[in-house]
Amino acid sequence: MPLTNPEIRQLKAKGQHLEPVVRVGKSGLTSSVVQATEAALNSHELIKIRFNHDRDERKALARQVVDATGAALIMQVGKVAVFYRSKPNSG
């Protein structure tokens, strides 16, 4: 279900205060990075990821994270991006 504009604004505000919990290094989006991202999303819903790549690579990697995890890209500024995926309802 797509996020509404007010929801996105609220998530952006919360994302500003986060520290990166996943770092994508020279090897790119490896299976271990995807697993770490999945675990972080399952725990926190809203996470920040740091990319150590040039601008075009960062954009492509952010799209790959979205494709691999089903998370929504909330914002991308410089070398960091904020992703959100709601926890599945447990009941």
Protein backbone atom coordinates (compact mmCIF):
# COMPACT_ATOMS: atom_id res chain seq x y z
CA MET A 1 0.00 0.00 0.00
CA PRO A 2 1.53 3.34 -1.02
CA LEU A 3 2.40 5.88 1.64
CA THR A 4 0.52 9.17 1.80
CA ASN A 5 2.35 12.50 1.64
CA PRO A 6 1.80 13.20 5.37
CA GLU A 7 3.18 9.75 6.20
CA ILE A 8 6.24 10.35 4.02
CA ARG A 9 6.87 13.75 5.66
CA GLN A 10 6.63 12.16 9.10
CA LEU A 11 9.03 9.36 8.13
CA LYS A 12 11.50 11.87 6.64
CA ALA A 13 11.47 13.83 9.90
CA LYS A 14 12.13 10.67 11.91
CA GLY A 15 14.80 9.54 9.45
CA GLN A 16 16.81 12.72 9.94
CA HIS A 17 17.76 11.60 13.45
CA LEU A 18 18.76 8.05 12.61
CA GLU A 19 22.28 6.71 12.39
CA PRO A 20 23.07 4.34 9.50
CA VAL A 21 22.53 0.72 10.58
CA VAL A 22 23.78 -0.81 7.32
CA ARG A 23 26.78 0.20 5.23
CA VAL A 24 27.18 -0.80 1.59
CA GLY A 25 30.88 -1.05 0.76
CA LYS A 26 32.90 -1.52 -2.41
CA SER A 27 31.41 -4.96 -3.07
CA GLY A 28 27.96 -3.45 -3.54
CA LEU A 29 24.70 -5.08 -2.55
CA THR A 30 25.91 -8.54 -1.52
CA SER A 31 23.66 -11.20 -0.04
CA SER A 32 25.01 -10.43 3.43
CA VAL A 33 24.12 -6.75 3.01
CA VAL A 34 20.60 -7.72 1.90
CA GLN A 35 20.27 -10.02 4.93
CA ALA A 36 21.45 -7.26 7.28
CA THR A 37 19.00 -4.84 5.66
CA GLU A 38 16.14 -7.34 6.03
CA ALA A 39 16.99 -7.89 9.70
CA ALA A 40 17.17 -4.15 10.35
CA LEU A 41 13.83 -3.53 8.62
CA ASN A 42 12.21 -6.35 10.58
CA SER A 43 13.47 -4.84 13.83
CA HIS A 44 13.03 -1.13 13.21
CA GLU A 45 10.81 -0.55 10.13
CA LEU A 46 12.62 2.75 9.42
CA ILE A 47 16.36 2.50 8.74
CA LYS A 48 19.19 4.53 7.27
CA ILE A 49 21.77 2.98 4.94
CA ARG A 50 25.13 4.50 4.03
CA PHE A 51 26.53 3.98 0.51
CA ASN A 52 30.25 4.48 -0.14
CA HIS A 53 29.90 5.00 -3.89
CA ASP A 54 29.57 7.81 -6.42
CA ARG A 55 26.22 9.49 -7.07
CA ASP A 56 24.99 7.32 -9.95
CA GLU A 57 25.96 4.12 -8.16
CA ARG A 58 24.18 5.28 -4.99
CA LYS A 59 20.94 5.82 -6.91
CA ALA A 60 21.20 2.41 -8.56
CA LEU A 61 22.01 0.70 -5.27
CA ALA A 62 19.06 2.38 -3.54
CA ARG A 63 16.76 1.02 -6.26
CA GLN A 64 18.31 -2.43 -5.78
CA VAL A 65 17.59 -2.26 -2.03
CA VAL A 66 13.95 -1.42 -2.81
CA ASP A 67 13.72 -4.34 -5.26
CA ALA A 68 15.45 -6.81 -2.92
CA THR A 69 13.54 -5.94 0.26
CA GLY A 70 10.22 -4.46 -0.81
CA ALA A 71 10.96 -1.40 1.32
CA ALA A 72 10.02 2.13 0.28
CA LEU A 73 12.78 4.67 -0.36
CA ILE A 74 11.77 7.61 1.81
CA MET A 75 14.66 9.93 0.99
CA GLN A 76 18.21 9.93 -0.30
CA VAL A 77 20.61 12.70 0.60
CA GLY A 78 24.30 12.49 -0.15
CA LYS A 79 25.69 9.11 0.85
CA VAL A 80 22.73 8.05 2.99
CA ALA A 81 19.24 6.83 2.20
CA VAL A 82 16.26 6.16 4.45
CA PHE A 83 14.03 3.13 3.83
CA TYR A 84 10.73 2.10 5.38
CA ARG A 85 8.88 -1.20 5.46
CA SER A 86 6.03 -1.78 7.88
CA LYS A 87 6.13 -4.87 10.03
CA PRO A 88 3.63 -7.54 9.01
CA ASN A 89 0.55 -7.74 11.21
CA SER A 90 0.98 -10.55 13.71
CA GLY A 91 -2.55 -11.46 14.41
